[in-house]
Amino acid sequence: MTKKGATMNTLEKILKLIKDSSLSDKTFEDTLGIPNRTVNDWKRGKSESYMKKLPEIAKLFGISADYLLGLTDELAYGKPDYSSVTRIAEKLGSLSELNRLRVEGYIDAIIETASDIMTAKTHRAAISDKPVAGNASDMPKSGSTRFQDTEG
C-alpha cells in the first residue's frame, strides 16, 4: 500500500473500501457480478479490469467515481440543498395531476441523461487515464419553458 501522506491509486482505494466495509472478496465479486478470484488477480497485478467497473464500484460504496480516479479527494458528492427540494415540491403540488406526471417524466429523463453522461465520462477516463470533469454544462440545453397548469 502507499506510504503515509502519499496519494492512493485507484486500486488501493478500491481495496481499502472493500476492507473497510468488511466485505469478503467473494461477496464483493458476487455483488458486482464479476468472476471469483478477480479481486485476487487485481491484488497480484494480473488484471486491471476494475477500471471497467468503476461506476458500479462507486455506486456500491456510495461514493463518486471521481474519487476513485483521483480527480477529487472528496469521497462523496456534496449534500443536496433540501430547501430547493421543498420549493420544487410546492410547485409540483400546485399542478394538475396530468402536468405533475409530465414534469416527473421530464425529471426522470434528465436524471437518466445525467447518469448516462457521467457513466460515459467515467468510462472514457478509465480507458484514456485522462481526467474528465462533469458539470452542468454537460447537460443538454433546454428552453426556458415554464410548466403551467392548463387544465384548470
N, C-alpha and C. Protein backbone atom coordinates (compact mmCIF):
# COMPACT_ATOMS: atom_id res chain seq x y z
N MET A 1 0.83 -1.19 0.00
CA MET A 1 0.00 0.00 0.00
C MET A 1 0.87 1.25 0.00
N THR A 2 0.25 2.40 0.09
CA THR A 2 1.00 3.64 0.00
C THR A 2 1.58 4.04 1.34
N LYS A 3 2.63 4.86 1.26
CA LYS A 3 3.23 5.39 2.48
C LYS A 3 2.33 6.48 3.03
N LYS A 4 2.48 6.76 4.31
CA LYS A 4 1.67 7.78 4.96
C LYS A 4 1.87 9.12 4.25
N GLY A 5 0.77 9.77 3.89
CA GLY A 5 0.82 11.06 3.23
C GLY A 5 0.84 10.96 1.72
N ALA A 6 1.10 9.77 1.17
CA ALA A 6 1.11 9.59 -0.27
C ALA A 6 -0.32 9.38 -0.77
N THR A 7 -0.52 9.66 -2.04
CA THR A 7 -1.84 9.50 -2.63
C THR A 7 -2.04 8.05 -3.04
N MET A 8 -3.20 7.50 -2.70
CA MET A 8 -3.52 6.14 -3.09
C MET A 8 -3.93 6.12 -4.55
N ASN A 9 -3.58 5.05 -5.25
CA ASN A 9 -4.06 4.91 -6.62
C ASN A 9 -5.46 4.29 -6.60
N THR A 10 -6.04 4.16 -7.78
CA THR A 10 -7.42 3.67 -7.88
C THR A 10 -7.59 2.31 -7.24
N LEU A 11 -6.72 1.38 -7.55
CA LEU A 11 -6.84 0.03 -6.99
C LEU A 11 -6.71 0.05 -5.46
N GLU A 12 -5.76 0.80 -4.94
CA GLU A 12 -5.59 0.88 -3.49
C GLU A 12 -6.84 1.42 -2.82
N LYS A 13 -7.49 2.40 -3.45
CA LYS A 13 -8.72 2.95 -2.90
C LYS A 13 -9.83 1.88 -2.88
N ILE A 14 -9.95 1.14 -3.97
CA ILE A 14 -10.97 0.09 -4.05
C ILE A 14 -10.72 -0.97 -2.98
N LEU A 15 -9.48 -1.42 -2.86
CA LEU A 15 -9.16 -2.45 -1.87
C LEU A 15 -9.41 -1.96 -0.45
N LYS A 16 -9.12 -0.69 -0.19
CA LYS A 16 -9.38 -0.12 1.14
C LYS A 16 -10.89 -0.06 1.41
N LEU A 17 -11.67 0.31 0.40
CA LEU A 17 -13.12 0.35 0.57
C LEU A 17 -13.68 -1.04 0.87
N ILE A 18 -13.16 -2.04 0.17
CA ILE A 18 -13.61 -3.41 0.42
C ILE A 18 -13.27 -3.81 1.86
N LYS A 19 -12.04 -3.55 2.26
CA LYS A 19 -11.59 -3.92 3.61
C LYS A 19 -12.40 -3.17 4.67
N ASP A 20 -12.55 -1.84 4.49
CA ASP A 20 -13.26 -1.03 5.48
C ASP A 20 -14.74 -1.40 5.59
N SER A 21 -15.30 -1.94 4.51
CA SER A 21 -16.71 -2.31 4.54
C SER A 21 -16.94 -3.70 5.13
N SER A 22 -15.86 -4.39 5.42
CA SER A 22 -15.91 -5.76 5.95
C SER A 22 -16.52 -6.75 4.98
N LEU A 23 -16.53 -6.41 3.68
CA LEU A 23 -16.99 -7.36 2.67
C LEU A 23 -15.86 -8.34 2.39
N SER A 24 -16.22 -9.59 2.20
CA SER A 24 -15.21 -10.54 1.73
C SER A 24 -15.01 -10.28 0.24
N ASP A 25 -13.88 -10.71 -0.28
CA ASP A 25 -13.65 -10.56 -1.72
C ASP A 25 -14.75 -11.25 -2.51
N LYS A 26 -15.15 -12.44 -2.06
CA LYS A 26 -16.19 -13.19 -2.77
C LYS A 26 -17.52 -12.45 -2.76
N THR A 27 -17.91 -11.88 -1.63
CA THR A 27 -19.17 -11.13 -1.55
C THR A 27 -19.11 -9.92 -2.47
N PHE A 28 -17.98 -9.23 -2.46
CA PHE A 28 -17.79 -8.07 -3.34
C PHE A 28 -17.92 -8.50 -4.80
N GLU A 29 -17.24 -9.58 -5.16
CA GLU A 29 -17.27 -10.08 -6.54
C GLU A 29 -18.69 -10.49 -6.94
N ASP A 30 -19.38 -11.19 -6.06
CA ASP A 30 -20.75 -11.61 -6.35
C ASP A 30 -21.67 -10.41 -6.52
N THR A 31 -21.49 -9.40 -5.68
CA THR A 31 -22.32 -8.20 -5.75
C THR A 31 -22.13 -7.48 -7.08
N LEU A 32 -20.89 -7.43 -7.56
CA LEU A 32 -20.60 -6.76 -8.83
C LEU A 32 -20.84 -7.66 -10.04
N GLY A 33 -21.04 -8.95 -9.80
CA GLY A 33 -21.24 -9.87 -10.90
C GLY A 33 -19.96 -10.15 -11.68
N ILE A 34 -18.85 -10.18 -10.96
CA ILE A 34 -17.56 -10.49 -11.59
C ILE A 34 -17.10 -11.86 -11.12
N PRO A 35 -16.26 -12.53 -11.92
CA PRO A 35 -15.82 -13.88 -11.54
C PRO A 35 -15.09 -13.91 -10.21
N ASN A 36 -15.25 -15.04 -9.51
CA ASN A 36 -14.50 -15.23 -8.26
C ASN A 36 -13.00 -15.20 -8.57
N ARG A 37 -12.23 -14.75 -7.61
CA ARG A 37 -10.78 -14.62 -7.70
C ARG A 37 -10.34 -13.37 -8.48
N THR A 38 -11.31 -12.56 -8.97
CA THR A 38 -10.96 -11.36 -9.71
C THR A 38 -10.20 -10.38 -8.81
N VAL A 39 -10.68 -10.18 -7.59
CA VAL A 39 -10.01 -9.25 -6.68
C VAL A 39 -8.60 -9.74 -6.39
N ASN A 40 -8.43 -11.04 -6.26
CA ASN A 40 -7.10 -11.60 -6.06
C ASN A 40 -6.19 -11.29 -7.26
N ASP A 41 -6.74 -11.37 -8.46
CA ASP A 41 -5.97 -11.02 -9.66
C ASP A 41 -5.58 -9.55 -9.64
N TRP A 42 -6.50 -8.69 -9.16
CA TRP A 42 -6.19 -7.26 -9.06
C TRP A 42 -5.02 -7.05 -8.10
N LYS A 43 -5.10 -7.72 -6.95
CA LYS A 43 -4.06 -7.56 -5.93
C LYS A 43 -2.70 -8.00 -6.45
N ARG A 44 -2.68 -9.02 -7.28
CA ARG A 44 -1.43 -9.57 -7.81
C ARG A 44 -0.96 -8.86 -9.09
N GLY A 45 -1.74 -7.87 -9.54
CA GLY A 45 -1.36 -7.13 -10.74
C GLY A 45 -1.61 -7.89 -12.03
N LYS A 46 -2.41 -8.93 -11.97
CA LYS A 46 -2.68 -9.73 -13.16
C LYS A 46 -3.79 -9.15 -14.02
N SER A 47 -4.55 -8.22 -13.47
CA SER A 47 -5.69 -7.65 -14.20
C SER A 47 -5.97 -6.24 -13.71
N GLU A 48 -6.41 -5.40 -14.62
CA GLU A 48 -6.88 -4.06 -14.26
C GLU A 48 -8.35 -3.91 -14.66
N SER A 49 -9.08 -5.01 -14.64
CA SER A 49 -10.48 -4.99 -15.04
C SER A 49 -11.34 -4.11 -14.13
N TYR A 50 -10.80 -3.74 -12.97
CA TYR A 50 -11.55 -2.85 -12.06
C TYR A 50 -11.85 -1.52 -12.73
N MET A 51 -11.03 -1.10 -13.69
CA MET A 51 -11.26 0.18 -14.36
C MET A 51 -12.59 0.17 -15.12
N LYS A 52 -13.00 -0.98 -15.60
CA LYS A 52 -14.27 -1.10 -16.33
C LYS A 52 -15.46 -1.11 -15.37
N LYS A 53 -15.21 -1.33 -14.11
CA LYS A 53 -16.28 -1.47 -13.11
C LYS A 53 -16.39 -0.26 -12.20
N LEU A 54 -15.68 0.82 -12.50
CA LEU A 54 -15.68 1.98 -11.60
C LEU A 54 -17.07 2.53 -11.30
N PRO A 55 -17.96 2.70 -12.30
CA PRO A 55 -19.29 3.21 -11.95
C PRO A 55 -20.03 2.30 -10.96
N GLU A 56 -19.93 0.99 -11.17
CA GLU A 56 -20.61 0.05 -10.28
C GLU A 56 -19.98 0.04 -8.89
N ILE A 57 -18.65 0.12 -8.84
CA ILE A 57 -17.96 0.14 -7.54
C ILE A 57 -18.33 1.41 -6.78
N ALA A 58 -18.32 2.54 -7.48
CA ALA A 58 -18.68 3.81 -6.84
C ALA A 58 -20.10 3.76 -6.30
N LYS A 59 -21.01 3.22 -7.10
CA LYS A 59 -22.41 3.13 -6.66
C LYS A 59 -22.54 2.20 -5.46
N LEU A 60 -21.85 1.08 -5.49
CA LEU A 60 -21.91 0.12 -4.38
C LEU A 60 -21.51 0.77 -3.06
N PHE A 61 -20.45 1.58 -3.08
CA PHE A 61 -19.96 2.20 -1.85
C PHE A 61 -20.52 3.59 -1.62
N GLY A 62 -21.38 4.08 -2.51
CA GLY A 62 -22.00 5.38 -2.33
C GLY A 62 -21.00 6.53 -2.42
N ILE A 63 -20.03 6.39 -3.32
CA ILE A 63 -19.00 7.42 -3.49
C ILE A 63 -18.95 7.85 -4.94
N SER A 64 -18.16 8.86 -5.22
CA SER A 64 -18.02 9.31 -6.60
C SER A 64 -16.91 8.54 -7.30
N ALA A 65 -17.11 8.27 -8.58
CA ALA A 65 -16.07 7.65 -9.39
C ALA A 65 -14.88 8.60 -9.51
N ASP A 66 -15.14 9.90 -9.44
CA ASP A 66 -14.05 10.89 -9.49
C ASP A 66 -13.06 10.65 -8.36
N TYR A 67 -13.56 10.27 -7.18
CA TYR A 67 -12.67 9.97 -6.06
C TYR A 67 -11.79 8.77 -6.40
N LEU A 68 -12.39 7.73 -6.94
CA LEU A 68 -11.62 6.54 -7.28
C LEU A 68 -10.54 6.83 -8.32
N LEU A 69 -10.85 7.75 -9.24
CA LEU A 69 -9.90 8.11 -10.29
C LEU A 69 -8.86 9.13 -9.84
N GLY A 70 -9.03 9.65 -8.63
CA GLY A 70 -8.07 10.64 -8.14
C GLY A 70 -8.35 12.04 -8.62
N LEU A 71 -9.55 12.28 -9.15
CA LEU A 71 -9.90 13.61 -9.64
C LEU A 71 -10.36 14.53 -8.52
N THR A 72 -10.71 13.94 -7.39
CA THR A 72 -11.11 14.71 -6.21
C THR A 72 -10.71 13.92 -4.97
N ASP A 73 -10.54 14.62 -3.87
CA ASP A 73 -10.25 13.96 -2.60
C ASP A 73 -11.53 13.69 -1.82
N GLU A 74 -12.65 14.20 -2.33
CA GLU A 74 -13.93 14.02 -1.66
C GLU A 74 -14.47 12.62 -1.96
N LEU A 75 -14.80 11.88 -0.91
CA LEU A 75 -15.35 10.54 -1.09
C LEU A 75 -16.70 10.55 -1.80
N ALA A 76 -17.55 11.49 -1.44
CA ALA A 76 -18.90 11.51 -1.97
C ALA A 76 -19.22 12.88 -2.55
N TYR A 77 -20.33 12.92 -3.25
CA TYR A 77 -20.80 14.19 -3.80
C TYR A 77 -21.31 15.07 -2.68
N GLY A 78 -21.43 16.36 -2.95
CA GLY A 78 -21.93 17.29 -1.95
C GLY A 78 -23.35 16.94 -1.52
N LYS A 79 -23.71 17.41 -0.35
CA LYS A 79 -25.05 17.14 0.17
C LYS A 79 -26.07 18.01 -0.56
N PRO A 80 -27.25 17.46 -0.82
CA PRO A 80 -28.26 18.23 -1.54
C PRO A 80 -28.80 19.38 -0.70
N ASP A 81 -29.25 20.40 -1.38
CA ASP A 81 -29.88 21.55 -0.73
C ASP A 81 -31.37 21.25 -0.64
N TYR A 82 -31.82 20.83 0.55
CA TYR A 82 -33.20 20.42 0.70
C TYR A 82 -34.18 21.58 0.62
N SER A 83 -33.71 22.82 0.77
CA SER A 83 -34.63 23.94 0.63
C SER A 83 -35.13 24.03 -0.81
N SER A 84 -34.28 23.71 -1.77
CA SER A 84 -34.73 23.74 -3.17
C SER A 84 -35.69 22.58 -3.44
N VAL A 85 -35.48 21.45 -2.78
CA VAL A 85 -36.38 20.31 -2.95
C VAL A 85 -37.77 20.68 -2.44
N THR A 86 -37.83 21.36 -1.31
CA THR A 86 -39.10 21.79 -0.75
C THR A 86 -39.81 22.76 -1.70
N ARG A 87 -39.05 23.69 -2.24
CA ARG A 87 -39.61 24.67 -3.18
C ARG A 87 -40.17 23.97 -4.41
N ILE A 88 -39.45 23.01 -4.95
CA ILE A 88 -39.90 22.27 -6.13
C ILE A 88 -41.15 21.45 -5.79
N ALA A 89 -41.18 20.83 -4.63
CA ALA A 89 -42.34 20.05 -4.22
C ALA A 89 -43.59 20.93 -4.12
N GLU A 90 -43.42 22.14 -3.61
CA GLU A 90 -44.55 23.06 -3.52
C GLU A 90 -45.08 23.41 -4.91
N LYS A 91 -44.17 23.65 -5.85
CA LYS A 91 -44.59 23.97 -7.22
C LYS A 91 -45.29 22.77 -7.86
N LEU A 92 -44.75 21.58 -7.65
CA LEU A 92 -45.40 20.39 -8.20
C LEU A 92 -46.80 20.21 -7.63
N GLY A 93 -46.96 20.54 -6.36
CA GLY A 93 -48.26 20.40 -5.71
C GLY A 93 -49.33 21.30 -6.28
N SER A 94 -48.91 22.39 -6.92
CA SER A 94 -49.89 23.33 -7.48
C SER A 94 -50.33 22.94 -8.89
N LEU A 95 -49.70 21.92 -9.47
CA LEU A 95 -50.05 21.49 -10.82
C LEU A 95 -51.17 20.46 -10.81
N SER A 96 -51.84 20.35 -11.96
CA SER A 96 -52.83 19.28 -12.11
C SER A 96 -52.10 17.94 -12.12
N GLU A 97 -52.83 16.87 -11.94
CA GLU A 97 -52.23 15.53 -11.93
C GLU A 97 -51.50 15.26 -13.25
N LEU A 98 -52.12 15.60 -14.38
CA LEU A 98 -51.52 15.35 -15.68
C LEU A 98 -50.20 16.11 -15.84
N ASN A 99 -50.19 17.38 -15.51
CA ASN A 99 -48.96 18.16 -15.64
C ASN A 99 -47.90 17.73 -14.63
N ARG A 100 -48.32 17.32 -13.44
CA ARG A 100 -47.36 16.82 -12.46
C ARG A 100 -46.67 15.56 -12.98
N LEU A 101 -47.45 14.66 -13.59
CA LEU A 101 -46.87 13.45 -14.16
C LEU A 101 -45.92 13.78 -15.32
N ARG A 102 -46.27 14.78 -16.12
CA ARG A 102 -45.38 15.21 -17.20
C ARG A 102 -44.05 15.71 -16.64
N VAL A 103 -44.12 16.55 -15.62
CA VAL A 103 -42.89 17.09 -15.02
C VAL A 103 -42.06 15.96 -14.42
N GLU A 104 -42.69 15.03 -13.74
CA GLU A 104 -41.95 13.90 -13.17
C GLU A 104 -41.26 13.10 -14.27
N GLY A 105 -41.92 12.95 -15.42
CA GLY A 105 -41.31 12.26 -16.55
C GLY A 105 -40.09 13.01 -17.07
N TYR A 106 -40.19 14.35 -17.13
CA TYR A 106 -39.05 15.17 -17.56
C TYR A 106 -37.88 15.03 -16.59
N ILE A 107 -38.20 15.04 -15.31
CA ILE A 107 -37.15 14.91 -14.29
C ILE A 107 -36.46 13.55 -14.42
N ASP A 108 -37.24 12.49 -14.59
CA ASP A 108 -36.66 11.16 -14.77
C ASP A 108 -35.74 11.13 -15.99
N ALA A 109 -36.16 11.76 -17.08
CA ALA A 109 -35.34 11.78 -18.30
C ALA A 109 -34.04 12.56 -18.08
N ILE A 110 -34.10 13.66 -17.36
CA ILE A 110 -32.91 14.46 -17.08
C ILE A 110 -31.94 13.66 -16.22
N ILE A 111 -32.45 13.01 -15.19
CA ILE A 111 -31.59 12.22 -14.30
C ILE A 111 -30.94 11.08 -15.08
N GLU A 112 -31.71 10.41 -15.92
CA GLU A 112 -31.16 9.31 -16.72
C GLU A 112 -30.07 9.83 -17.67
N THR A 113 -30.31 10.98 -18.30
CA THR A 113 -29.33 11.57 -19.21
C THR A 113 -28.05 11.93 -18.45
N ALA A 114 -28.21 12.56 -17.29
CA ALA A 114 -27.04 12.93 -16.49
C ALA A 114 -26.26 11.70 -16.07
N SER A 115 -26.96 10.64 -15.69
CA SER A 115 -26.29 9.40 -15.29
C SER A 115 -25.54 8.80 -16.47
N ASP A 116 -26.16 8.80 -17.66
CA ASP A 116 -25.51 8.27 -18.85
C ASP A 116 -24.27 9.08 -19.20
N ILE A 117 -24.34 10.40 -19.07
CA ILE A 117 -23.19 11.26 -19.37
C ILE A 117 -22.04 10.96 -18.42
N MET A 118 -22.33 10.85 -17.12
CA MET A 118 -21.26 10.60 -16.15
C MET A 118 -20.69 9.19 -16.32
N THR A 119 -21.53 8.21 -16.66
CA THR A 119 -21.03 6.87 -16.90
C THR A 119 -20.09 6.86 -18.10
N ALA A 120 -20.48 7.56 -19.17
CA ALA A 120 -19.64 7.63 -20.36
C ALA A 120 -18.33 8.35 -20.06
N LYS A 121 -18.39 9.44 -19.28
CA LYS A 121 -17.18 10.18 -18.93
C LYS A 121 -16.25 9.32 -18.08
N THR A 122 -16.82 8.60 -17.13
CA THR A 122 -16.00 7.74 -16.27
C THR A 122 -15.35 6.64 -17.10
N HIS A 123 -16.12 6.09 -18.03
CA HIS A 123 -15.58 5.03 -18.88
C HIS A 123 -14.45 5.59 -19.75
N ARG A 124 -14.64 6.77 -20.34
CA ARG A 124 -13.58 7.38 -21.15
C ARG A 124 -12.35 7.66 -20.31
N ALA A 125 -12.55 8.12 -19.09
CA ALA A 125 -11.42 8.41 -18.21
C ALA A 125 -10.67 7.13 -17.86
N ALA A 126 -11.42 6.07 -17.63
CA ALA A 126 -10.79 4.79 -17.28
C ALA A 126 -9.97 4.25 -18.44
N ILE A 127 -10.45 4.47 -19.65
CA ILE A 127 -9.74 3.97 -20.82
C ILE A 127 -8.52 4.84 -21.14
N SER A 128 -8.68 6.16 -21.06
CA SER A 128 -7.61 7.05 -21.50
C SER A 128 -6.70 7.52 -20.39
N ASP A 129 -7.08 7.29 -19.14
CA ASP A 129 -6.34 7.81 -17.98
C ASP A 129 -6.24 9.33 -17.99
N LYS A 130 -7.13 9.99 -18.73
CA LYS A 130 -7.15 11.45 -18.74
C LYS A 130 -8.29 11.90 -17.85
N PRO A 131 -8.06 12.89 -17.00
CA PRO A 131 -9.14 13.37 -16.14
C PRO A 131 -10.24 14.02 -16.95
N VAL A 132 -11.46 13.79 -16.55
CA VAL A 132 -12.60 14.46 -17.15
C VAL A 132 -13.43 15.06 -16.03
N ALA A 133 -13.98 16.21 -16.30
CA ALA A 133 -14.81 16.87 -15.30
C ALA A 133 -16.25 16.81 -15.74
N GLY A 134 -17.13 16.62 -14.80
CA GLY A 134 -18.56 16.64 -15.10
C GLY A 134 -19.17 17.86 -14.45
N ASN A 135 -19.96 18.59 -15.24
CA ASN A 135 -20.62 19.75 -14.67
C ASN A 135 -21.91 20.02 -15.42
N ALA A 136 -22.60 21.03 -15.00
CA ALA A 136 -23.91 21.33 -15.56
C ALA A 136 -23.83 21.65 -17.05
N SER A 137 -22.70 22.12 -17.55
CA SER A 137 -22.59 22.44 -18.97
C SER A 137 -22.64 21.19 -19.84
N ASP A 138 -22.49 20.01 -19.24
CA ASP A 138 -22.57 18.76 -20.00
C ASP A 138 -24.01 18.36 -20.26
N MET A 139 -24.93 18.94 -19.54
CA MET A 139 -26.33 18.58 -19.68
C MET A 139 -26.89 19.17 -20.96
N PRO A 140 -27.84 18.48 -21.59
CA PRO A 140 -28.47 19.03 -22.78
C PRO A 140 -29.14 20.36 -22.45
N LYS A 141 -29.02 21.29 -23.38
CA LYS A 141 -29.63 22.60 -23.18
C LYS A 141 -31.13 22.50 -23.41
N SER A 142 -31.89 23.24 -22.64
CA SER A 142 -33.34 23.27 -22.85
C SER A 142 -33.79 24.71 -22.87
N GLY A 143 -34.95 24.92 -23.44
CA GLY A 143 -35.50 26.28 -23.49
C GLY A 143 -35.98 26.70 -22.12
N SER A 144 -36.42 27.90 -22.03
CA SER A 144 -36.89 28.42 -20.74
C SER A 144 -38.39 28.18 -20.61
N THR A 145 -38.80 26.96 -20.87
CA THR A 145 -40.21 26.60 -20.80
C THR A 145 -40.67 26.56 -19.35
N ARG A 146 -41.77 27.20 -19.09
CA ARG A 146 -42.38 27.13 -17.76
C ARG A 146 -43.55 26.18 -17.84
N PHE A 147 -43.71 25.36 -16.86
CA PHE A 147 -44.82 24.44 -16.83
C PHE A 147 -45.99 25.15 -16.17
N GLN A 148 -47.09 25.19 -16.91
CA GLN A 148 -48.27 25.84 -16.37
C GLN A 148 -49.41 24.84 -16.36
N ASP A 149 -50.25 25.00 -15.39
CA ASP A 149 -51.41 24.12 -15.30
C ASP A 149 -52.45 24.60 -16.31
N THR A 150 -52.65 23.78 -17.35
CA THR A 150 -53.59 24.18 -18.40
C THR A 150 -54.94 23.52 -18.24
N GLU A 151 -55.08 22.73 -17.19
CA GLU A 151 -56.35 22.02 -17.01
C GLU A 151 -57.32 22.73 -16.08
N GLY A 152 -56.95 23.78 -15.54
CA GLY A 152 -57.93 24.33 -14.62
C GLY A 152 -57.53 25.59 -14.14
